[in-house]
N, C-alpha and C. Protein backbone atom coordinates (compact mmCIF):
# COMPACT_ATOMS: atom_id res chain seq x y z
N UNK A 1 0.84 -1.19 0.00
CA UNK A 1 0.00 0.00 0.00
C UNK A 1 0.88 1.25 0.00
N UNK A 2 0.48 2.24 -0.79
CA UNK A 2 1.27 3.46 -0.91
C UNK A 2 1.19 4.28 0.37
N UNK A 3 2.29 4.92 0.70
CA UNK A 3 2.36 5.79 1.87
C UNK A 3 1.54 7.05 1.61
N UNK A 4 0.70 7.48 2.56
CA UNK A 4 -0.07 8.71 2.37
C UNK A 4 0.86 9.90 2.08
N UNK A 5 0.38 10.80 1.26
CA UNK A 5 1.19 11.94 0.82
C UNK A 5 1.68 12.78 1.99
N UNK A 6 0.83 13.07 2.95
CA UNK A 6 1.25 13.88 4.11
C UNK A 6 2.35 13.17 4.90
N UNK A 7 2.26 11.85 5.03
CA UNK A 7 3.30 11.09 5.74
C UNK A 7 4.63 11.17 4.99
N UNK A 8 4.57 11.09 3.66
CA UNK A 8 5.80 11.24 2.85
C UNK A 8 6.45 12.59 3.11
N UNK A 9 5.63 13.64 3.11
CA UNK A 9 6.17 15.00 3.28
C UNK A 9 6.82 15.14 4.65
N UNK A 10 6.12 14.72 5.70
CA UNK A 10 6.66 14.85 7.06
C UNK A 10 7.98 14.08 7.18
N UNK A 11 8.02 12.88 6.63
CA UNK A 11 9.23 12.06 6.70
C UNK A 11 10.39 12.72 5.94
N UNK A 12 10.11 13.30 4.79
CA UNK A 12 11.17 13.85 3.95
C UNK A 12 11.62 15.26 4.37
N UNK A 13 10.85 15.93 5.23
CA UNK A 13 11.27 17.25 5.71
C UNK A 13 12.62 17.13 6.42
N UNK A 14 12.80 16.09 7.20
CA UNK A 14 14.09 15.87 7.90
C UNK A 14 15.21 15.67 6.88
N UNK A 15 14.96 14.91 5.81
CA UNK A 15 15.97 14.69 4.77
C UNK A 15 16.34 16.00 4.09
N UNK A 16 15.36 16.87 3.89
CA UNK A 16 15.60 18.14 3.19
C UNK A 16 16.58 19.02 3.94
N UNK A 17 16.59 18.91 5.27
CA UNK A 17 17.49 19.74 6.08
C UNK A 17 18.96 19.48 5.77
N UNK A 18 19.26 18.33 5.18
CA UNK A 18 20.64 17.96 4.88
C UNK A 18 21.07 18.35 3.47
N UNK A 19 20.17 18.87 2.66
CA UNK A 19 20.47 19.19 1.27
C UNK A 19 20.94 20.63 1.12
N UNK A 20 21.69 20.88 0.04
CA UNK A 20 22.12 22.24 -0.28
C UNK A 20 20.89 23.12 -0.52
N UNK A 21 20.02 22.66 -1.42
CA UNK A 21 18.73 23.32 -1.61
C UNK A 21 17.73 22.54 -0.78
N UNK A 22 17.20 23.16 0.23
CA UNK A 22 16.26 22.49 1.13
C UNK A 22 14.85 22.59 0.54
N UNK A 23 14.69 21.98 -0.63
CA UNK A 23 13.45 22.07 -1.39
C UNK A 23 12.82 20.70 -1.55
N UNK A 24 11.53 20.65 -1.29
CA UNK A 24 10.75 19.44 -1.54
C UNK A 24 9.52 19.84 -2.35
N UNK A 25 9.28 19.11 -3.41
CA UNK A 25 8.11 19.37 -4.23
C UNK A 25 7.10 18.25 -4.05
N UNK A 26 5.87 18.62 -3.83
CA UNK A 26 4.77 17.66 -3.74
C UNK A 26 4.13 17.65 -5.12
N UNK A 27 4.46 16.62 -5.90
CA UNK A 27 4.10 16.58 -7.31
C UNK A 27 2.90 15.65 -7.52
N UNK A 28 1.83 16.22 -8.06
CA UNK A 28 0.63 15.44 -8.38
C UNK A 28 -0.28 16.31 -9.24
N UNK A 29 -1.14 15.68 -10.02
CA UNK A 29 -2.06 16.46 -10.85
C UNK A 29 -3.17 17.12 -10.01
N UNK A 30 -3.90 17.99 -10.64
CA UNK A 30 -5.03 18.66 -9.99
C UNK A 30 -5.98 17.62 -9.40
N UNK A 31 -6.41 17.88 -8.17
CA UNK A 31 -7.39 17.01 -7.53
C UNK A 31 -6.82 15.77 -6.85
N UNK A 32 -5.50 15.67 -6.78
CA UNK A 32 -4.87 14.48 -6.20
C UNK A 32 -4.64 14.59 -4.69
N UNK A 33 -4.98 15.73 -4.09
CA UNK A 33 -4.89 15.86 -2.65
C UNK A 33 -3.67 16.60 -2.12
N UNK A 34 -3.02 17.40 -2.96
CA UNK A 34 -1.84 18.14 -2.51
C UNK A 34 -2.19 19.13 -1.40
N UNK A 35 -3.25 19.91 -1.59
CA UNK A 35 -3.65 20.90 -0.60
C UNK A 35 -4.03 20.24 0.71
N UNK A 36 -4.80 19.18 0.64
CA UNK A 36 -5.20 18.45 1.85
C UNK A 36 -3.98 17.91 2.58
N UNK A 37 -3.02 17.37 1.82
CA UNK A 37 -1.79 16.85 2.42
C UNK A 37 -1.00 17.97 3.09
N UNK A 38 -0.89 19.13 2.44
CA UNK A 38 -0.15 20.25 3.04
C UNK A 38 -0.87 20.78 4.28
N UNK A 39 -2.18 20.78 4.28
CA UNK A 39 -2.92 21.21 5.48
C UNK A 39 -2.66 20.24 6.63
N UNK A 40 -2.60 18.96 6.33
CA UNK A 40 -2.28 17.95 7.34
C UNK A 40 -0.87 18.16 7.88
N UNK A 41 0.08 18.40 6.97
CA UNK A 41 1.47 18.65 7.38
C UNK A 41 1.53 19.90 8.26
N UNK A 42 0.80 20.93 7.88
CA UNK A 42 0.77 22.18 8.66
C UNK A 42 0.34 21.89 10.10
N UNK A 43 -0.68 21.11 10.27
CA UNK A 43 -1.16 20.77 11.62
C UNK A 43 -0.14 19.95 12.39
N UNK A 44 0.55 19.05 11.70
CA UNK A 44 1.47 18.13 12.36
C UNK A 44 2.81 18.76 12.72
N UNK A 45 3.33 19.64 11.87
CA UNK A 45 4.67 20.21 12.13
C UNK A 45 4.63 21.69 12.50
N UNK A 46 3.46 22.32 12.39
CA UNK A 46 3.34 23.72 12.77
C UNK A 46 3.95 24.70 11.78
N UNK A 47 4.18 24.27 10.56
CA UNK A 47 4.76 25.15 9.54
C UNK A 47 3.66 26.02 8.91
N UNK A 48 3.99 27.25 8.57
CA UNK A 48 2.99 28.11 7.92
C UNK A 48 2.69 27.62 6.50
N UNK A 49 1.43 27.73 6.11
CA UNK A 49 0.99 27.36 4.77
C UNK A 49 0.63 28.63 4.03
N UNK A 50 1.34 28.90 2.93
CA UNK A 50 1.17 30.14 2.17
C UNK A 50 0.50 29.85 0.83
N UNK A 51 -0.56 30.59 0.53
CA UNK A 51 -1.18 30.56 -0.79
C UNK A 51 -0.38 31.55 -1.64
N UNK A 52 0.55 31.04 -2.43
CA UNK A 52 1.48 31.90 -3.17
C UNK A 52 0.74 32.79 -4.17
N UNK A 53 -0.22 32.23 -4.90
CA UNK A 53 -0.97 33.05 -5.86
C UNK A 53 -1.59 34.27 -5.18
N UNK A 54 -2.25 34.06 -4.08
CA UNK A 54 -2.93 35.13 -3.37
C UNK A 54 -1.94 36.14 -2.78
N UNK A 55 -0.92 35.64 -2.11
CA UNK A 55 0.05 36.52 -1.45
C UNK A 55 0.81 37.38 -2.46
N UNK A 56 1.32 36.75 -3.52
CA UNK A 56 2.07 37.52 -4.52
C UNK A 56 1.17 38.48 -5.29
N UNK A 57 -0.04 38.05 -5.60
CA UNK A 57 -0.97 38.94 -6.32
C UNK A 57 -1.21 40.22 -5.53
N UNK A 58 -1.40 40.08 -4.23
CA UNK A 58 -1.61 41.26 -3.39
C UNK A 58 -0.38 42.18 -3.41
N UNK A 59 0.79 41.57 -3.36
CA UNK A 59 2.02 42.37 -3.32
C UNK A 59 2.33 43.02 -4.67
N UNK A 60 1.79 42.49 -5.76
CA UNK A 60 2.10 43.01 -7.09
C UNK A 60 1.01 43.91 -7.67
N UNK A 61 -0.04 44.16 -6.92
CA UNK A 61 -1.18 44.93 -7.43
C UNK A 61 -0.79 46.28 -8.03
N UNK A 62 0.08 47.00 -7.39
CA UNK A 62 0.40 48.36 -7.83
C UNK A 62 1.61 48.43 -8.78
N UNK A 63 2.10 47.27 -9.22
CA UNK A 63 3.28 47.23 -10.09
C UNK A 63 2.89 47.07 -11.55
N UNK A 64 3.71 47.62 -12.44
CA UNK A 64 3.51 47.40 -13.86
C UNK A 64 3.95 45.97 -14.21
N UNK A 65 3.63 45.52 -15.41
CA UNK A 65 4.02 44.17 -15.82
C UNK A 65 5.54 44.00 -15.76
N UNK A 66 6.27 45.00 -16.21
CA UNK A 66 7.74 44.92 -16.17
C UNK A 66 8.25 44.88 -14.73
N UNK A 67 7.68 45.73 -13.88
CA UNK A 67 8.09 45.74 -12.47
C UNK A 67 7.79 44.40 -11.80
N UNK A 68 6.66 43.79 -12.16
CA UNK A 68 6.30 42.49 -11.58
C UNK A 68 7.38 41.45 -11.90
N UNK A 69 7.81 41.41 -13.15
CA UNK A 69 8.83 40.45 -13.55
C UNK A 69 10.14 40.69 -12.80
N UNK A 70 10.49 41.95 -12.63
CA UNK A 70 11.74 42.28 -11.95
C UNK A 70 11.67 42.08 -10.44
N UNK A 71 10.52 42.36 -9.86
CA UNK A 71 10.38 42.33 -8.40
C UNK A 71 9.95 40.98 -7.84
N UNK A 72 9.49 40.06 -8.69
CA UNK A 72 8.96 38.79 -8.18
C UNK A 72 9.91 38.04 -7.26
N UNK A 73 11.19 37.86 -7.61
CA UNK A 73 12.08 37.14 -6.69
C UNK A 73 12.18 37.82 -5.32
N UNK A 74 12.27 39.14 -5.30
CA UNK A 74 12.35 39.86 -4.03
C UNK A 74 11.05 39.71 -3.24
N UNK A 75 9.92 39.81 -3.92
CA UNK A 75 8.63 39.69 -3.24
C UNK A 75 8.45 38.29 -2.66
N UNK A 76 8.88 37.28 -3.38
CA UNK A 76 8.76 35.92 -2.87
C UNK A 76 9.69 35.69 -1.68
N UNK A 77 10.86 36.32 -1.72
CA UNK A 77 11.76 36.28 -0.55
C UNK A 77 11.10 36.92 0.66
N UNK A 78 10.39 38.02 0.44
CA UNK A 78 9.65 38.67 1.53
C UNK A 78 8.60 37.73 2.11
N UNK A 79 7.92 37.00 1.25
CA UNK A 79 6.92 36.03 1.72
C UNK A 79 7.59 35.03 2.65
N UNK A 80 8.74 34.51 2.23
CA UNK A 80 9.48 33.54 3.05
C UNK A 80 9.92 34.19 4.37
N UNK A 81 10.47 35.38 4.28
CA UNK A 81 10.98 36.06 5.48
C UNK A 81 9.88 36.44 6.46
N UNK A 82 8.66 36.61 5.96
CA UNK A 82 7.53 36.96 6.82
C UNK A 82 6.97 35.76 7.60
N UNK A 83 7.51 34.56 7.34
CA UNK A 83 7.04 33.36 8.03
C UNK A 83 7.99 33.01 9.16
N UNK A 84 7.45 32.36 10.17
CA UNK A 84 8.25 31.90 11.30
C UNK A 84 8.64 30.44 11.09
N UNK A 85 9.72 30.03 11.72
CA UNK A 85 10.12 28.64 11.68
C UNK A 85 11.08 28.33 10.55
N UNK A 86 11.50 27.09 10.51
CA UNK A 86 12.49 26.62 9.54
C UNK A 86 11.86 26.00 8.31
N UNK A 87 10.55 25.77 8.33
CA UNK A 87 9.85 25.13 7.21
C UNK A 87 8.70 26.03 6.79
N UNK A 88 8.52 26.20 5.48
CA UNK A 88 7.37 26.93 4.95
C UNK A 88 6.74 26.06 3.86
N UNK A 89 5.41 26.01 3.87
CA UNK A 89 4.65 25.24 2.89
C UNK A 89 4.03 26.18 1.88
N UNK A 90 4.27 25.93 0.60
CA UNK A 90 3.72 26.75 -0.48
C UNK A 90 2.65 25.96 -1.22
N UNK A 91 1.48 26.54 -1.34
CA UNK A 91 0.42 25.95 -2.14
C UNK A 91 0.02 26.97 -3.20
N UNK A 92 -0.60 26.50 -4.27
CA UNK A 92 -1.07 27.37 -5.35
C UNK A 92 0.06 28.24 -5.89
N UNK A 93 1.05 27.61 -6.50
CA UNK A 93 2.22 28.33 -7.02
C UNK A 93 2.11 28.65 -8.51
N UNK A 94 0.94 28.48 -9.09
CA UNK A 94 0.78 28.65 -10.54
C UNK A 94 1.23 30.01 -11.05
N UNK A 95 1.14 31.04 -10.25
CA UNK A 95 1.55 32.38 -10.67
C UNK A 95 3.03 32.41 -11.09
N UNK A 96 3.84 31.54 -10.49
CA UNK A 96 5.28 31.52 -10.82
C UNK A 96 5.52 31.08 -12.26
N UNK A 97 4.54 30.41 -12.87
CA UNK A 97 4.67 29.92 -14.24
C UNK A 97 4.13 30.91 -15.27
N UNK A 98 3.53 32.00 -14.81
CA UNK A 98 2.97 32.99 -15.73
C UNK A 98 4.05 33.47 -16.69
N UNK A 99 3.81 33.31 -17.96
CA UNK A 99 4.81 33.63 -19.00
C UNK A 99 5.22 35.10 -18.94
N UNK A 100 4.30 36.00 -18.61
CA UNK A 100 4.62 37.42 -18.57
C UNK A 100 5.62 37.76 -17.47
N UNK A 101 5.75 36.90 -16.45
CA UNK A 101 6.69 37.16 -15.36
C UNK A 101 8.11 36.70 -15.67
N UNK A 102 8.27 35.93 -16.74
CA UNK A 102 9.60 35.53 -17.24
C UNK A 102 10.49 34.92 -16.15
N UNK A 103 9.95 33.95 -15.40
CA UNK A 103 10.69 33.31 -14.33
C UNK A 103 10.91 31.83 -14.62
N UNK A 104 11.93 31.27 -14.01
CA UNK A 104 12.13 29.83 -14.01
C UNK A 104 11.67 29.37 -12.62
N UNK A 105 10.46 28.83 -12.52
CA UNK A 105 9.89 28.53 -11.20
C UNK A 105 10.76 27.61 -10.34
N UNK A 106 11.35 26.59 -10.92
CA UNK A 106 12.16 25.67 -10.12
C UNK A 106 13.40 26.37 -9.58
N UNK A 107 14.09 27.12 -10.40
CA UNK A 107 15.30 27.84 -9.94
C UNK A 107 14.93 28.87 -8.86
N UNK A 108 13.80 29.51 -9.04
CA UNK A 108 13.34 30.49 -8.05
C UNK A 108 13.11 29.80 -6.69
N UNK A 109 12.43 28.67 -6.71
CA UNK A 109 12.17 27.93 -5.46
C UNK A 109 13.47 27.40 -4.86
N UNK A 110 14.38 26.94 -5.71
CA UNK A 110 15.66 26.45 -5.19
C UNK A 110 16.43 27.57 -4.49
N UNK A 111 16.44 28.75 -5.09
CA UNK A 111 17.14 29.88 -4.48
C UNK A 111 16.55 30.26 -3.12
N UNK A 112 15.24 30.15 -3.01
CA UNK A 112 14.57 30.48 -1.75
C UNK A 112 14.82 29.44 -0.67
N UNK A 113 15.18 28.24 -1.08
CA UNK A 113 15.29 27.13 -0.12
C UNK A 113 16.69 26.98 0.46
N UNK A 114 17.50 27.98 0.35
CA UNK A 114 18.84 27.90 0.94
C UNK A 114 18.80 28.11 2.45
N UNK A 115 17.91 28.95 2.94
CA UNK A 115 17.88 29.28 4.36
C UNK A 115 16.70 28.67 5.11
N UNK A 116 15.69 28.23 4.40
CA UNK A 116 14.53 27.58 5.00
C UNK A 116 14.15 26.39 4.14
N UNK A 117 13.55 25.39 4.76
CA UNK A 117 13.03 24.26 3.99
C UNK A 117 11.72 24.73 3.36
N UNK A 118 11.65 24.60 2.03
CA UNK A 118 10.46 24.99 1.28
C UNK A 118 9.81 23.72 0.75
N UNK A 119 8.54 23.54 1.08
CA UNK A 119 7.74 22.44 0.56
C UNK A 119 6.68 23.07 -0.32
N UNK A 120 6.71 22.78 -1.62
CA UNK A 120 5.80 23.43 -2.56
C UNK A 120 4.96 22.41 -3.31
N UNK A 121 3.67 22.70 -3.43
CA UNK A 121 2.77 21.86 -4.23
C UNK A 121 3.02 22.17 -5.71
N UNK A 122 3.36 21.13 -6.47
CA UNK A 122 3.68 21.26 -7.90
C UNK A 122 2.59 20.54 -8.67
N UNK A 123 1.82 21.29 -9.41
CA UNK A 123 0.70 20.74 -10.16
C UNK A 123 1.21 20.12 -11.46
N UNK A 124 1.54 18.83 -11.40
CA UNK A 124 2.09 18.18 -12.58
C UNK A 124 2.23 16.70 -12.37
N UNK A 125 3.25 16.13 -12.99
CA UNK A 125 3.44 14.68 -12.91
C UNK A 125 4.92 14.34 -12.99
N UNK A 126 5.21 13.08 -12.69
CA UNK A 126 6.56 12.54 -12.81
C UNK A 126 6.55 11.58 -14.00
N UNK A 127 7.51 11.75 -14.88
CA UNK A 127 7.63 10.87 -16.04
C UNK A 127 9.06 10.36 -16.06
N UNK A 128 9.29 9.20 -15.45
CA UNK A 128 10.64 8.66 -15.36
C UNK A 128 11.49 9.54 -14.48
N UNK A 129 12.56 10.10 -15.05
CA UNK A 129 13.47 10.97 -14.31
C UNK A 129 13.11 12.44 -14.44
N UNK A 130 11.95 12.74 -14.99
CA UNK A 130 11.55 14.12 -15.22
C UNK A 130 10.26 14.48 -14.50
N UNK A 131 10.21 15.74 -14.09
CA UNK A 131 9.03 16.31 -13.49
C UNK A 131 8.45 17.27 -14.53
N UNK A 132 7.13 17.21 -14.70
CA UNK A 132 6.49 17.97 -15.78
C UNK A 132 5.43 18.89 -15.20
N UNK A 133 5.36 20.10 -15.76
CA UNK A 133 4.29 21.04 -15.45
C UNK A 133 3.64 21.40 -16.77
N UNK A 134 2.32 21.29 -16.84
CA UNK A 134 1.53 21.57 -18.05
C UNK A 134 1.79 20.50 -19.11
N UNK A 135 1.36 20.75 -20.32
CA UNK A 135 1.52 19.79 -21.42
C UNK A 135 2.35 20.45 -22.51
N UNK A 136 3.06 19.63 -23.31
CA UNK A 136 3.84 20.21 -24.41
C UNK A 136 2.95 21.13 -25.27
N UNK A 137 3.55 22.16 -25.79
CA UNK A 137 2.89 23.18 -26.60
C UNK A 137 2.09 24.19 -25.79
N UNK A 138 1.94 23.97 -24.48
CA UNK A 138 1.31 24.98 -23.63
C UNK A 138 2.37 26.02 -23.30
N UNK A 139 2.03 27.31 -23.27
CA UNK A 139 3.05 28.34 -23.02
C UNK A 139 3.76 28.18 -21.67
N UNK A 140 3.11 27.57 -20.68
CA UNK A 140 3.70 27.42 -19.35
C UNK A 140 4.39 26.06 -19.17
N UNK A 141 4.48 25.27 -20.22
CA UNK A 141 5.06 23.93 -20.12
C UNK A 141 6.50 23.98 -19.61
N UNK A 142 6.78 23.13 -18.64
CA UNK A 142 8.14 22.99 -18.08
C UNK A 142 8.42 21.51 -17.87
N UNK A 143 9.67 21.14 -18.08
CA UNK A 143 10.12 19.77 -17.86
C UNK A 143 11.50 19.83 -17.23
N UNK A 144 11.64 19.22 -16.06
CA UNK A 144 12.89 19.28 -15.31
C UNK A 144 13.34 17.89 -14.92
N UNK A 145 14.64 17.71 -14.85
CA UNK A 145 15.19 16.48 -14.28
C UNK A 145 14.88 16.48 -12.79
N UNK A 146 14.53 15.32 -12.25
CA UNK A 146 14.27 15.20 -10.82
C UNK A 146 15.61 14.96 -10.14
N UNK A 147 16.20 16.05 -9.65
CA UNK A 147 17.47 15.99 -8.92
C UNK A 147 17.64 17.28 -8.15
N UNK A 148 18.51 17.25 -7.17
CA UNK A 148 18.81 18.44 -6.35
C UNK A 148 17.64 18.89 -5.48
N UNK A 149 16.61 18.08 -5.36
CA UNK A 149 15.50 18.36 -4.47
C UNK A 149 14.75 17.07 -4.23
N UNK A 150 13.94 17.07 -3.20
CA UNK A 150 13.15 15.89 -2.88
C UNK A 150 11.79 15.98 -3.52
N UNK A 151 11.21 14.82 -3.80
CA UNK A 151 9.87 14.77 -4.37
C UNK A 151 8.99 13.88 -3.49
N UNK A 152 7.83 14.38 -3.17
CA UNK A 152 6.78 13.58 -2.54
C UNK A 152 5.64 13.53 -3.54
N UNK A 153 5.17 12.33 -3.82
CA UNK A 153 4.14 12.19 -4.84
C UNK A 153 3.44 10.85 -4.68
N UNK A 154 2.18 10.79 -5.05
CA UNK A 154 1.51 9.48 -5.06
C UNK A 154 2.22 8.52 -6.02
N UNK A 155 2.96 9.06 -7.00
CA UNK A 155 3.66 8.26 -8.00
C UNK A 155 5.03 7.80 -7.51
N UNK A 156 5.56 8.40 -6.44
CA UNK A 156 6.89 8.08 -5.92
C UNK A 156 6.73 7.38 -4.59
N UNK A 157 7.39 6.24 -4.43
CA UNK A 157 7.20 5.47 -3.20
C UNK A 157 8.42 5.44 -2.32
N UNK A 158 9.56 6.03 -2.71
CA UNK A 158 10.76 6.02 -1.89
C UNK A 158 11.01 7.35 -1.22
């Protein structure tokens, strides 16, 4: 029987503390229970759960499109710095993939995870050694090698 997603995350948070990039991605398609799992983890470890879309949207309201692209890394660092503890949970990160913001979402999350453990819900799938966001030909499509970070997923059992 597969290990529940929240149990995977809690177990792997300790492993993340030993990595250069203290990043863990909870990878699953829409409706697979990522938010529920992160809420469970929040209750169990006391880590803050941040709705990234909502928080960043509020912080970018008064910025032009160009300013948003330039300021996004700083604003996301502020989000991290505004949280207490060594672990922060990110849900609803779709804004990071917005083409107009011209960001590499994985590199952005890796950079943020140097000083705190970041656990982020990644709306996608695992295909062999690759993690995928969106579908080919979609403007937000991304495909990354699964390395340099931990993955918790219904598809991953280790």
